[in-house]
C-alpha atoms as a PDB file:
ATOM      1  CA  UNK A   1       0.000   0.000   0.000  1.00  0.00           C
ATOM      2  CA  UNK A   2       1.387   3.397  -0.931  1.00  0.00           C
ATOM      3  CA  UNK A   3       0.886   6.503   1.138  1.00  0.00           C
ATOM      4  CA  UNK A   4      -0.491   9.579  -0.579  1.00  0.00           C
ATOM      5  CA  UNK A   5      -0.179  12.973   1.021  1.00  0.00           C
ATOM      6  CA  UNK A   6      -3.207  15.094   1.621  1.00  0.00           C
ATOM      7  CA  UNK A   7      -3.122  18.847   1.215  1.00  0.00           C
ATOM      8  CA  UNK A   8      -2.936  19.183   4.994  1.00  0.00           C
ATOM      9  CA  UNK A   9       0.346  17.262   5.043  1.00  0.00           C
ATOM     10  CA  UNK A  10       2.032  19.360   2.358  1.00  0.00           C
ATOM     11  CA  UNK A  11       5.294  20.898   3.482  1.00  0.00           C
ATOM     12  CA  UNK A  12       5.675  23.087   0.397  1.00  0.00           C
ATOM     13  CA  UNK A  13       3.552  25.848   1.925  1.00  0.00           C
ATOM     14  CA  UNK A  14       5.925  26.633   4.778  1.00  0.00           C
ATOM     15  CA  UNK A  15       6.667  30.317   5.219  1.00  0.00           C
ATOM     16  CA  UNK A  16      10.325  31.336   5.416  1.00  0.00           C
ATOM     17  CA  UNK A  17      11.708  32.111   8.846  1.00  0.00           C
ATOM     18  CA  UNK A  18      12.852  35.662   9.663  1.00  0.00           C
ATOM     19  CA  UNK A  19      16.458  34.407   9.320  1.00  0.00           C
ATOM     20  CA  UNK A  20      15.702  33.025   5.835  1.00  0.00           C
ATOM     21  CA  UNK A  21      13.899  36.226   4.826  1.00  0.00           C
ATOM     22  CA  UNK A  22      16.878  38.304   5.953  1.00  0.00           C
ATOM     23  CA  UNK A  23      19.221  36.054   3.982  1.00  0.00           C
ATOM     24  CA  UNK A  24      17.102  36.332   0.840  1.00  0.00           C
ATOM     25  CA  UNK A  25      16.939  40.123   1.176  1.00  0.00           C
ATOM     26  CA  UNK A  26      20.722  40.246   1.697  1.00  0.00           C
ATOM     27  CA  UNK A  27      21.384  38.079  -1.373  1.00  0.00           C
ATOM     28  CA  UNK A  28      18.913  39.979  -3.560  1.00  0.00           C
ATOM     29  CA  UNK A  29      20.542  43.276  -2.560  1.00  0.00           C
ATOM     30  CA  UNK A  30      24.028  42.180  -3.622  1.00  0.00           C
ATOM     31  CA  UNK A  31      25.632  42.922  -6.971  1.00  0.00           C
ATOM     32  CA  UNK A  32      26.960  40.023  -9.029  1.00  0.00           C
ATOM     33  CA  UNK A  33      30.487  40.970  -7.903  1.00  0.00           C
ATOM     34  CA  UNK A  34      29.423  40.946  -4.251  1.00  0.00           C
ATOM     35  CA  UNK A  35      27.726  37.565  -4.701  1.00  0.00           C
ATOM     36  CA  UNK A  36      30.904  36.139  -6.232  1.00  0.00           C
ATOM     37  CA  UNK A  37      32.981  37.577  -3.382  1.00  0.00           C
ATOM     38  CA  UNK A  38      30.814  36.126  -0.597  1.00  0.00           C
ATOM     39  CA  UNK A  39      30.501  32.730  -2.280  1.00  0.00           C
ATOM     40  CA  UNK A  40      34.271  32.648  -2.818  1.00  0.00           C
ATOM     41  CA  UNK A  41      34.955  33.734   0.766  1.00  0.00           C
ATOM     42  CA  UNK A  42      32.578  31.073   2.095  1.00  0.00           C
ATOM     43  CA  UNK A  43      33.931  28.460  -0.359  1.00  0.00           C
ATOM     44  CA  UNK A  44      30.427  27.597  -1.515  1.00  0.00           C
ATOM     45  CA  UNK A  45      28.032  28.070  -4.400  1.00  0.00           C
ATOM     46  CA  UNK A  46      25.013  27.978  -2.082  1.00  0.00           C
ATOM     47  CA  UNK A  47      23.583  31.422  -1.240  1.00  0.00           C
ATOM     48  CA  UNK A  48      22.302  30.260   2.179  1.00  0.00           C
ATOM     49  CA  UNK A  49      25.810  29.111   3.112  1.00  0.00           C
ATOM     50  CA  UNK A  50      27.285  32.418   1.909  1.00  0.00           C
ATOM     51  CA  UNK A  51      24.718  34.223   4.092  1.00  0.00           C
ATOM     52  CA  UNK A  52      25.651  32.103   7.095  1.00  0.00           C
ATOM     53  CA  UNK A  53      29.340  32.838   6.500  1.00  0.00           C
ATOM     54  CA  UNK A  54      28.645  36.563   6.076  1.00  0.00           C
ATOM     55  CA  UNK A  55      26.795  36.626   9.404  1.00  0.00           C
ATOM     56  CA  UNK A  56      29.649  34.783  11.093  1.00  0.00           C
ATOM     57  CA  UNK A  57      32.309  37.297  10.031  1.00  0.00           C
ATOM     58  CA  UNK A  58      30.478  40.634  10.192  1.00  0.00           C
ATOM     59  CA  UNK A  59      28.729  42.659  12.816  1.00  0.00           C
ATOM     60  CA  UNK A  60      25.119  43.643  12.289  1.00  0.00           C
ATOM     61  CA  UNK A  61      26.071  47.265  11.611  1.00  0.00           C
ATOM     62  CA  UNK A  62      28.646  46.398   8.926  1.00  0.00           C
ATOM     63  CA  UNK A  63      27.738  46.608   5.291  1.00  0.00           C
ATOM     64  CA  UNK A  64      27.733  43.579   3.032  1.00  0.00           C
ATOM     65  CA  UNK A  65      29.182  45.433   0.088  1.00  0.00           C
ATOM     66  CA  UNK A  66      32.794  45.005  -0.872  1.00  0.00           C
ATOM     67  CA  UNK A  67      34.992  47.341  -2.833  1.00  0.00           C
ATOM     68  CA  UNK A  68      36.800  45.616  -5.670  1.00  0.00           C
ATOM     69  CA  UNK A  69      40.027  47.303  -6.652  1.00  0.00           C
ATOM     70  CA  UNK A  70      41.170  46.616 -10.196  1.00  0.00           C
END
């Protein structure tokens, strides 16, 4: 017998947590260069992991933008 999920059991309707919302807003506010920097610094291609790394190395009042010198 196979189990079928009802609509009440669906986990696709979960709202993001405040932490996840803040991470999405942070990522969406970054330039492509800033995204590359934070992914490189965190050694990941996963935005959520870059966000976690960013939060671990910055204070809340620091900006997420970086200045690239060429």
